[in-house]
Amino acid sequence: MKFRYPYQKIVDLKENETQQAQWMLSTSLHQLQSEETSLEQLYIQKRQVQEQILSHSASGSSISELQRLQDYLAFLEVRIQAQSDSVQHATERVHQHQRELQSRKINEQTWNKAREKALYTHMKESIKKEQAILDDLVSVRNG
């Protein structure tokens, strides 16, 4: 007798939801990595501009050149702050997706265990029925 689980579509749905949660976590991790790389690049640019300011002030460059570099440094500071906020938001999304994945995995495991229990019960019943048939055959043969 073939086992047919009446809630198999729910089990399949829970598996799909877990896969989707894994995909979302992967996407958010890639986004976080991208945001962090952008922030690192901004810090590198900031250090370069700071070195240029030191170099220009030591060599006696014009005030307008130093002011231009200072303005660009201020612009980079604003961008660094904005990018830091983006990194923070991306980190929060990663944590959110991790929690979601954990919840989906627990839900999927619950449904899989219910299916396994139903399969075990089905197998026990099948064995009992087969044994009853064999017992009937033996009693008919001996009777």
C-alpha atoms as a PDB file:
ATOM      1  CA  MET A   1       0.000   0.000   0.000  1.00  0.00           C
ATOM      2  CA  LYS A   2       1.508   3.283  -1.111  1.00  0.00           C
ATOM      3  CA  PHE A   3       1.954   6.098   1.397  1.00  0.00           C
ATOM      4  CA  ARG A   4       0.261   9.339   0.462  1.00  0.00           C
ATOM      5  CA  TYR A   5       0.654  12.186   2.934  1.00  0.00           C
ATOM      6  CA  PRO A   6      -2.448  14.408   2.877  1.00  0.00           C
ATOM      7  CA  TYR A   7      -0.432  17.523   3.798  1.00  0.00           C
ATOM      8  CA  GLN A   8       2.400  17.008   1.299  1.00  0.00           C
ATOM      9  CA  LYS A   9       1.635  20.292  -0.456  1.00  0.00           C
ATOM     10  CA  ILE A  10       2.148  22.110   2.834  1.00  0.00           C
ATOM     11  CA  VAL A  11       5.474  20.309   3.358  1.00  0.00           C
ATOM     12  CA  ASP A  12       6.520  21.314  -0.154  1.00  0.00           C
ATOM     13  CA  LEU A  13       5.427  24.903   0.498  1.00  0.00           C
ATOM     14  CA  LYS A  14       7.474  25.034   3.704  1.00  0.00           C
ATOM     15  CA  GLU A  15      10.529  23.730   1.835  1.00  0.00           C
ATOM     16  CA  ASN A  16      10.055  26.408  -0.837  1.00  0.00           C
ATOM     17  CA  GLU A  17       9.701  29.105   1.822  1.00  0.00           C
ATOM     18  CA  THR A  18      12.975  27.966   3.405  1.00  0.00           C
ATOM     19  CA  GLN A  19      14.730  28.077   0.037  1.00  0.00           C
ATOM     20  CA  GLN A  20      13.349  31.551  -0.578  1.00  0.00           C
ATOM     21  CA  ALA A  21      14.568  32.704   2.853  1.00  0.00           C
ATOM     22  CA  GLN A  22      18.032  31.310   2.041  1.00  0.00           C
ATOM     23  CA  TRP A  23      18.036  33.216  -1.231  1.00  0.00           C
ATOM     24  CA  MET A  24      16.987  36.432   0.522  1.00  0.00           C
ATOM     25  CA  LEU A  25      19.764  36.010   3.103  1.00  0.00           C
ATOM     26  CA  SER A  26      22.303  35.426   0.362  1.00  0.00           C
ATOM     27  CA  THR A  27      21.124  38.537  -1.466  1.00  0.00           C
ATOM     28  CA  SER A  28      21.307  40.662   1.668  1.00  0.00           C
ATOM     29  CA  LEU A  29      24.818  39.351   2.446  1.00  0.00           C
ATOM     30  CA  HIS A  30      25.985  40.337  -1.040  1.00  0.00           C
ATOM     31  CA  GLN A  31      24.408  43.762  -0.593  1.00  0.00           C
ATOM     32  CA  LEU A  32      26.156  44.205   2.763  1.00  0.00           C
ATOM     33  CA  GLN A  33      29.479  43.247   1.218  1.00  0.00           C
ATOM     34  CA  SER A  34      28.928  45.764  -1.575  1.00  0.00           C
ATOM     35  CA  GLU A  35      28.038  48.529   0.901  1.00  0.00           C
ATOM     36  CA  GLU A  36      31.122  47.758   3.000  1.00  0.00           C
ATOM     37  CA  THR A  37      33.365  47.842  -0.083  1.00  0.00           C
ATOM     38  CA  SER A  38      31.961  51.246  -1.042  1.00  0.00           C
ATOM     39  CA  LEU A  39      32.624  52.535   2.476  1.00  0.00           C
ATOM     40  CA  GLU A  40      36.211  51.266   2.353  1.00  0.00           C
ATOM     41  CA  GLN A  41      36.731  53.080  -0.954  1.00  0.00           C
ATOM     42  CA  LEU A  42      35.470  56.319   0.570  1.00  0.00           C
ATOM     43  CA  TYR A  43      37.893  55.970   3.478  1.00  0.00           C
ATOM     44  CA  ILE A  44      40.735  55.408   1.024  1.00  0.00           C
ATOM     45  CA  GLN A  45      39.733  58.546  -0.884  1.00  0.00           C
ATOM     46  CA  LYS A  46      39.555  60.483   2.379  1.00  0.00           C
ATOM     47  CA  ARG A  47      43.088  59.428   3.357  1.00  0.00           C
ATOM     48  CA  GLN A  48      44.370  60.390  -0.077  1.00  0.00           C
ATOM     49  CA  VAL A  49      42.807  63.848   0.147  1.00  0.00           C
ATOM     50  CA  GLN A  50      44.176  64.318   3.668  1.00  0.00           C
ATOM     51  CA  GLU A  51      47.642  63.420   2.374  1.00  0.00           C
ATOM     52  CA  GLN A  52      47.208  65.900  -0.493  1.00  0.00           C
ATOM     53  CA  ILE A  53      46.207  68.636   1.968  1.00  0.00           C
ATOM     54  CA  LEU A  54      49.313  67.960   4.049  1.00  0.00           C
ATOM     55  CA  SER A  55      51.488  67.892   0.961  1.00  0.00           C
ATOM     56  CA  HIS A  56      50.015  71.107  -0.460  1.00  0.00           C
ATOM     57  CA  SER A  57      50.209  72.957   2.850  1.00  0.00           C
ATOM     58  CA  ALA A  58      53.865  71.949   3.261  1.00  0.00           C
ATOM     59  CA  SER A  59      54.751  73.009  -0.269  1.00  0.00           C
ATOM     60  CA  GLY A  60      53.044  76.385   0.059  1.00  0.00           C
ATOM     61  CA  SER A  61      50.203  75.866  -2.422  1.00  0.00           C
ATOM     62  CA  SER A  62      47.575  78.504  -2.987  1.00  0.00           C
ATOM     63  CA  ILE A  63      44.768  79.056  -0.504  1.00  0.00           C
ATOM     64  CA  SER A  64      42.190  78.334  -3.213  1.00  0.00           C
ATOM     65  CA  GLU A  65      43.752  74.901  -3.872  1.00  0.00           C
ATOM     66  CA  LEU A  66      43.740  74.092  -0.158  1.00  0.00           C
ATOM     67  CA  GLN A  67      40.139  75.320   0.121  1.00  0.00           C
ATOM     68  CA  ARG A  68      39.131  73.117  -2.812  1.00  0.00           C
ATOM     69  CA  LEU A  69      40.700  70.095  -1.120  1.00  0.00           C
ATOM     70  CA  GLN A  70      39.039  70.992   2.203  1.00  0.00           C
ATOM     71  CA  ASP A  71      35.659  71.254   0.476  1.00  0.00           C
ATOM     72  CA  TYR A  72      36.192  67.868  -1.164  1.00  0.00           C
ATOM     73  CA  LEU A  73      37.200  66.405   2.212  1.00  0.00           C
ATOM     74  CA  ALA A  74      33.992  67.762   3.757  1.00  0.00           C
ATOM     75  CA  PHE A  75      32.026  66.235   0.866  1.00  0.00           C
ATOM     76  CA  LEU A  76      33.718  62.875   1.502  1.00  0.00           C
ATOM     77  CA  GLU A  77      32.833  63.102   5.201  1.00  0.00           C
ATOM     78  CA  VAL A  78      29.165  63.517   4.301  1.00  0.00           C
ATOM     79  CA  ARG A  79      29.348  60.591   1.887  1.00  0.00           C
ATOM     80  CA  ILE A  80      31.124  58.448   4.494  1.00  0.00           C
ATOM     81  CA  GLN A  81      28.364  59.162   7.009  1.00  0.00           C
ATOM     82  CA  ALA A  82      25.677  58.310   4.470  1.00  0.00           C
ATOM     83  CA  GLN A  83      27.517  55.156   3.435  1.00  0.00           C
ATOM     84  CA  SER A  84      27.946  54.155   7.100  1.00  0.00           C
ATOM     85  CA  ASP A  85      24.179  54.458   7.459  1.00  0.00           C
ATOM     86  CA  SER A  86      23.756  52.244   4.392  1.00  0.00           C
ATOM     87  CA  VAL A  87      26.094  49.646   5.891  1.00  0.00           C
ATOM     88  CA  GLN A  88      24.103  49.740   9.136  1.00  0.00           C
ATOM     89  CA  HIS A  89      20.811  49.239   7.277  1.00  0.00           C
ATOM     90  CA  ALA A  90      22.307  46.390   5.236  1.00  0.00           C
ATOM     91  CA  THR A  91      23.544  44.764   8.451  1.00  0.00           C
ATOM     92  CA  GLU A  92      20.076  45.033   9.952  1.00  0.00           C
ATOM     93  CA  ARG A  93      18.584  43.419   6.822  1.00  0.00           C
ATOM     94  CA  VAL A  94      21.068  40.547   7.111  1.00  0.00           C
ATOM     95  CA  HIS A  95      20.089  39.982  10.739  1.00  0.00           C
ATOM     96  CA  GLN A  96      16.415  40.146   9.817  1.00  0.00           C
ATOM     97  CA  HIS A  97      16.883  37.597   7.034  1.00  0.00           C
ATOM     98  CA  GLN A  98      18.890  35.332   9.370  1.00  0.00           C
ATOM     99  CA  ARG A  99      16.030  35.349  11.875  1.00  0.00           C
ATOM    100  CA  GLU A 100      13.523  34.714   9.097  1.00  0.00           C
ATOM    101  CA  LEU A 101      15.547  31.781   7.770  1.00  0.00           C
ATOM    102  CA  GLN A 102      15.842  30.282  11.224  1.00  0.00           C
ATOM    103  CA  SER A 103      12.083  30.565  11.702  1.00  0.00           C
ATOM    104  CA  ARG A 104      11.404  28.999   8.288  1.00  0.00           C
ATOM    105  CA  LYS A 105      13.777  26.112   9.008  1.00  0.00           C
ATOM    106  CA  ILE A 106      12.058  25.363  12.301  1.00  0.00           C
ATOM    107  CA  ASN A 107       8.657  25.463  10.590  1.00  0.00           C
ATOM    108  CA  GLU A 108       9.885  23.174   7.802  1.00  0.00           C
ATOM    109  CA  GLN A 109      11.365  20.707  10.324  1.00  0.00           C
ATOM    110  CA  THR A 110       8.074  20.621  12.226  1.00  0.00           C
ATOM    111  CA  TRP A 111       6.150  19.681   9.093  1.00  0.00           C
ATOM    112  CA  ASN A 112       8.785  17.133   8.042  1.00  0.00           C
ATOM    113  CA  LYS A 113       8.608  15.475  11.462  1.00  0.00           C
ATOM    114  CA  ALA A 114       4.820  15.314  11.202  1.00  0.00           C
ATOM    115  CA  ARG A 115       5.209  13.661   7.789  1.00  0.00           C
ATOM    116  CA  GLU A 116       7.773  11.192   9.137  1.00  0.00           C
ATOM    117  CA  LYS A 117       5.451  10.322  12.019  1.00  0.00           C
ATOM    118  CA  ALA A 118       2.582   9.741   9.591  1.00  0.00           C
ATOM    119  CA  LEU A 119       4.855   7.550   7.431  1.00  0.00           C
ATOM    120  CA  TYR A 120       5.906   5.540  10.481  1.00  0.00           C
ATOM    121  CA  THR A 121       2.260   5.046  11.482  1.00  0.00           C
ATOM    122  CA  HIS A 122       1.397   4.023   7.906  1.00  0.00           C
ATOM    123  CA  MET A 123       4.226   1.496   7.841  1.00  0.00           C
ATOM    124  CA  LYS A 124       3.141  -0.007  11.172  1.00  0.00           C
ATOM    125  CA  GLU A 125      -0.426  -0.345   9.901  1.00  0.00           C
ATOM    126  CA  SER A 126       0.759  -1.894   6.635  1.00  0.00           C
ATOM    127  CA  ILE A 127       2.838  -4.444   8.511  1.00  0.00           C
ATOM    128  CA  LYS A 128      -0.137  -5.288  10.743  1.00  0.00           C
ATOM    129  CA  LYS A 129      -2.381  -5.768   7.702  1.00  0.00           C
ATOM    130  CA  GLU A 130       0.208  -7.936   5.966  1.00  0.00           C
ATOM    131  CA  GLN A 131       0.638  -9.993   9.123  1.00  0.00           C
ATOM    132  CA  ALA A 132      -3.137 -10.405   9.412  1.00  0.00           C
ATOM    133  CA  ILE A 133      -3.291 -11.606   5.789  1.00  0.00           C
ATOM    134  CA  LEU A 134      -0.447 -14.067   6.408  1.00  0.00           C
ATOM    135  CA  ASP A 135      -2.137 -15.296   9.586  1.00  0.00           C
ATOM    136  CA  ASP A 136      -5.389 -15.826   7.655  1.00  0.00           C
ATOM    137  CA  LEU A 137      -3.523 -17.761   4.951  1.00  0.00           C
ATOM    138  CA  VAL A 138      -1.865 -19.944   7.560  1.00  0.00           C
ATOM    139  CA  SER A 139      -5.160 -20.605   9.358  1.00  0.00           C
ATOM    140  CA  VAL A 140      -6.940 -21.453   6.082  1.00  0.00           C
ATOM    141  CA  ARG A 141      -4.103 -23.753   5.086  1.00  0.00           C
ATOM    142  CA  ASN A 142      -4.028 -25.465   8.479  1.00  0.00           C
ATOM    143  CA  GLY A 143      -7.751 -25.384   9.017  1.00  0.00           C
END
